[in-house]
Each structure stands twice: as C-alpha cells, then as structure tokens.
Amino acid sequence: QAQLVESGGGSVQAGGSLSVSCKASRDILSTFNSYVMNWYRQAPGKQREFVASITYRHITNYADTVKGRFAISRNNSRKMIYLQMSDLKPEDTGVYYCNRNNDWGQGTLVTVSS
C-alpha cells in the first residue's frame, strides 16, 4: 500500500498563492510512474471533491473551479506531485489530499481569508 505524505499549505489572504506537495514515500519508481496522481479537497461541511490530476506523461486535468488558477505538476524521479495555487479565494479553503486509486494521504490544510 502506498504511503502518500502531503506537505505545504497554510494560511493566506484572498488573491495570494500557496503550494502543496505530496511524496509517495514507499513506491518504487516504476510503481509511481504507472499511476495517475490526483489532488482532492474537502471544505468544512462539504464532500470531498476533485481538484486536479496528472498522468506519468504530464497530461493534466482540472476542476472547472480551479482552471487557470491552479497548476499540478509531478517529478517522477522524486516520486512527488505538486499543486501550485494562485489567485486563491475563500472558497478554496479546505483540507487538500493527495490520491491515487484507493490510496489517500493524511491531508494538509489550506485556509484562505477574505
């Protein structure tokens, strides 16, 4: 089973930028490279929702709510993915989770104040 460990996040005012990272610490390289990696988020009192995904070949997909503001990337040799968030809005507040298949990280909190 994968161990996905997120880092980053924090608090920022609306319009600011933050980034979060995730490392697949137990993966061998070939395992990590075989998976599409995803970011999800969960706002207080709401269901977890898809944010962005990236394939091994760096093909990306975004939720409409973050398109143009967020950028997902991955470093396959380091077994890491990243989410660069800009022009943040209060509605971006939530716990951000790294995911692939049925594996989830512990989440990292992003708080955007107005």
C-alpha atoms as a PDB file:
ATOM      1  CA  GLN A   1       0.000   0.000   0.000  1.00  0.00           C
ATOM      2  CA  ALA A   2       1.252   3.440  -0.872  1.00  0.00           C
ATOM      3  CA  GLN A   3       2.189   5.992   1.731  1.00  0.00           C
ATOM      4  CA  LEU A   4       1.259   9.411   0.409  1.00  0.00           C
ATOM      5  CA  VAL A   5       2.610  12.259   2.513  1.00  0.00           C
ATOM      6  CA  GLU A   6       1.454  15.811   1.893  1.00  0.00           C
ATOM      7  CA  SER A   7       3.264  18.952   2.956  1.00  0.00           C
ATOM      8  CA  GLY A   8       2.838  22.665   2.489  1.00  0.00           C
ATOM      9  CA  GLY A   9      -0.425  24.514   2.748  1.00  0.00           C
ATOM     10  CA  GLY A  10      -1.066  27.095   5.417  1.00  0.00           C
ATOM     11  CA  SER A  11      -2.946  30.377   5.585  1.00  0.00           C
ATOM     12  CA  VAL A  12      -3.096  33.184   3.063  1.00  0.00           C
ATOM     13  CA  GLN A  13      -5.281  36.137   2.192  1.00  0.00           C
ATOM     14  CA  ALA A  14      -7.536  36.084  -0.845  1.00  0.00           C
ATOM     15  CA  GLY A  15      -5.584  36.707  -4.011  1.00  0.00           C
ATOM     16  CA  GLY A  16      -2.457  35.105  -2.596  1.00  0.00           C
ATOM     17  CA  SER A  17      -0.579  31.959  -3.548  1.00  0.00           C
ATOM     18  CA  LEU A  18       0.310  28.701  -1.835  1.00  0.00           C
ATOM     19  CA  SER A  19       1.665  25.346  -2.861  1.00  0.00           C
ATOM     20  CA  VAL A  20       1.247  21.821  -1.557  1.00  0.00           C
ATOM     21  CA  SER A  21       3.368  18.763  -2.237  1.00  0.00           C
ATOM     22  CA  CYS A  22       2.942  15.017  -1.962  1.00  0.00           C
ATOM     23  CA  LYS A  23       5.530  12.266  -1.845  1.00  0.00           C
ATOM     24  CA  ALA A  24       4.831   8.607  -2.497  1.00  0.00           C
ATOM     25  CA  SER A  25       7.393   7.547   0.045  1.00  0.00           C
ATOM     26  CA  ARG A  26       7.079   3.765  -0.233  1.00  0.00           C
ATOM     27  CA  ASP A  27       6.806   3.474  -4.002  1.00  0.00           C
ATOM     28  CA  ILE A  28       9.451   2.052  -6.209  1.00  0.00           C
ATOM     29  CA  LEU A  29       9.878   4.274  -9.225  1.00  0.00           C
ATOM     30  CA  SER A  30       8.067   2.029 -11.698  1.00  0.00           C
ATOM     31  CA  THR A  31       5.050   1.859  -9.415  1.00  0.00           C
ATOM     32  CA  PHE A  32       4.811   5.618  -9.046  1.00  0.00           C
ATOM     33  CA  ASN A  33       5.195   6.130 -12.768  1.00  0.00           C
ATOM     34  CA  SER A  34       2.322   3.784 -13.556  1.00  0.00           C
ATOM     35  CA  TYR A  35      -0.285   5.853 -11.764  1.00  0.00           C
ATOM     36  CA  VAL A  36      -2.336   8.921 -12.473  1.00  0.00           C
ATOM     37  CA  MET A  37      -1.921  11.129  -9.410  1.00  0.00           C
ATOM     38  CA  ASN A  38      -4.689  13.364  -8.106  1.00  0.00           C
ATOM     39  CA  TRP A  39      -5.402  16.207  -5.741  1.00  0.00           C
ATOM     40  CA  TYR A  40      -8.752  16.371  -3.969  1.00  0.00           C
ATOM     41  CA  ARG A  41     -10.003  18.801  -1.334  1.00  0.00           C
ATOM     42  CA  GLN A  42     -12.664  18.855   1.321  1.00  0.00           C
ATOM     43  CA  ALA A  43     -14.139  22.074   2.618  1.00  0.00           C
ATOM     44  CA  PRO A  44     -15.711  22.200   6.083  1.00  0.00           C
ATOM     45  CA  GLY A  45     -19.135  20.563   5.991  1.00  0.00           C
ATOM     46  CA  LYS A  46     -18.823  19.539   2.341  1.00  0.00           C
ATOM     47  CA  GLN A  47     -17.973  16.404   0.423  1.00  0.00           C
ATOM     48  CA  ARG A  48     -14.508  15.736  -0.870  1.00  0.00           C
ATOM     49  CA  GLU A  49     -14.115  16.989  -4.436  1.00  0.00           C
ATOM     50  CA  PHE A  50     -11.697  16.501  -7.299  1.00  0.00           C
ATOM     51  CA  VAL A  51      -9.230  19.308  -7.917  1.00  0.00           C
ATOM     52  CA  ALA A  52      -6.653  18.144 -10.472  1.00  0.00           C
ATOM     53  CA  SER A  53      -4.918  15.105 -11.922  1.00  0.00           C
ATOM     54  CA  ILE A  54      -1.707  14.377 -13.812  1.00  0.00           C
ATOM     55  CA  THR A  55      -0.518  11.363 -15.737  1.00  0.00           C
ATOM     56  CA  TYR A  56       3.010   9.982 -15.965  1.00  0.00           C
ATOM     57  CA  ARG A  57       3.370  11.878 -19.216  1.00  0.00           C
ATOM     58  CA  HIS A  58       2.224  15.109 -17.549  1.00  0.00           C
ATOM     59  CA  ILE A  59      -1.214  15.261 -19.125  1.00  0.00           C
ATOM     60  CA  THR A  60      -3.283  17.340 -16.744  1.00  0.00           C
ATOM     61  CA  ASN A  61      -6.944  17.793 -15.947  1.00  0.00           C
ATOM     62  CA  TYR A  62      -8.585  20.352 -13.663  1.00  0.00           C
ATOM     63  CA  ALA A  63     -11.898  21.017 -11.998  1.00  0.00           C
ATOM     64  CA  ASP A  64     -13.610  23.997 -13.596  1.00  0.00           C
ATOM     65  CA  THR A  65     -13.457  25.860 -10.289  1.00  0.00           C
ATOM     66  CA  VAL A  66      -9.645  25.955 -10.295  1.00  0.00           C
ATOM     67  CA  LYS A  67      -8.842  26.030 -14.004  1.00  0.00           C
ATOM     68  CA  GLY A  68      -6.482  28.863 -14.819  1.00  0.00           C
ATOM     69  CA  ARG A  69      -5.533  29.403 -11.167  1.00  0.00           C
ATOM     70  CA  PHE A  70      -4.033  26.076 -10.084  1.00  0.00           C
ATOM     71  CA  ALA A  71      -1.217  24.099 -11.682  1.00  0.00           C
ATOM     72  CA  ILE A  72      -0.456  20.444 -10.976  1.00  0.00           C
ATOM     73  CA  SER A  73       2.950  19.002 -11.745  1.00  0.00           C
ATOM     74  CA  ARG A  74       4.987  15.933 -10.942  1.00  0.00           C
ATOM     75  CA  ASN A  75       8.605  14.927 -10.612  1.00  0.00           C
ATOM     76  CA  ASN A  76       8.694  11.259 -11.449  1.00  0.00           C
ATOM     77  CA  SER A  77      12.285  10.683 -10.346  1.00  0.00           C
ATOM     78  CA  ARG A  78      11.477  12.126  -6.911  1.00  0.00           C
ATOM     79  CA  LYS A  79       8.086  10.371  -6.737  1.00  0.00           C
ATOM     80  CA  MET A  80       6.401  13.663  -5.949  1.00  0.00           C
ATOM     81  CA  ILE A  81       3.490  15.727  -7.160  1.00  0.00           C
ATOM     82  CA  TYR A  82       2.818  19.388  -6.554  1.00  0.00           C
ATOM     83  CA  LEU A  83      -0.098  21.780  -6.658  1.00  0.00           C
ATOM     84  CA  GLN A  84       0.696  25.433  -7.174  1.00  0.00           C
ATOM     85  CA  MET A  85      -2.312  27.577  -6.247  1.00  0.00           C
ATOM     86  CA  SER A  86      -2.639  31.221  -7.177  1.00  0.00           C
ATOM     87  CA  ASP A  87      -5.359  33.873  -7.014  1.00  0.00           C
ATOM     88  CA  LEU A  88      -6.747  31.957  -4.054  1.00  0.00           C
ATOM     89  CA  LYS A  89     -10.321  32.549  -2.939  1.00  0.00           C
ATOM     90  CA  PRO A  90     -12.002  31.895   0.410  1.00  0.00           C
ATOM     91  CA  GLU A  91     -13.915  29.040  -1.224  1.00  0.00           C
ATOM     92  CA  ASP A  92     -10.585  27.292  -1.866  1.00  0.00           C
ATOM     93  CA  THR A  93     -10.302  26.727   1.884  1.00  0.00           C
ATOM     94  CA  GLY A  94     -10.173  23.078   2.863  1.00  0.00           C
ATOM     95  CA  VAL A  95      -8.047  20.050   3.506  1.00  0.00           C
ATOM     96  CA  TYR A  96      -6.119  19.072   0.390  1.00  0.00           C
ATOM     97  CA  TYR A  97      -5.498  15.366  -0.176  1.00  0.00           C
ATOM     98  CA  CYS A  98      -3.105  13.535  -2.438  1.00  0.00           C
ATOM     99  CA  ASN A  99      -4.679  10.474  -4.042  1.00  0.00           C
ATOM    100  CA  ARG A 100      -4.138   7.646  -6.410  1.00  0.00           C
ATOM    101  CA  ASN A 101      -6.540   4.737  -6.776  1.00  0.00           C
ATOM    102  CA  ASN A 102      -7.709   3.848  -3.268  1.00  0.00           C
ATOM    103  CA  ASP A 103      -4.724   5.424  -1.520  1.00  0.00           C
ATOM    104  CA  TRP A 104      -5.027   8.742   0.282  1.00  0.00           C
ATOM    105  CA  GLY A 105      -2.645  10.977   2.168  1.00  0.00           C
ATOM    106  CA  GLN A 106      -3.450  12.432   5.564  1.00  0.00           C
ATOM    107  CA  GLY A 107      -4.284  15.831   4.071  1.00  0.00           C
ATOM    108  CA  THR A 108      -2.919  19.314   4.561  1.00  0.00           C
ATOM    109  CA  LEU A 109      -4.976  22.376   5.467  1.00  0.00           C
ATOM    110  CA  VAL A 110      -5.264  25.422   3.237  1.00  0.00           C
ATOM    111  CA  THR A 111      -7.038  28.440   4.677  1.00  0.00           C
ATOM    112  CA  VAL A 112      -7.872  31.486   2.583  1.00  0.00           C
ATOM    113  CA  SER A 113      -9.188  34.539   4.384  1.00  0.00           C
ATOM    114  CA  SER A 114     -11.131  37.353   2.781  1.00  0.00           C
END
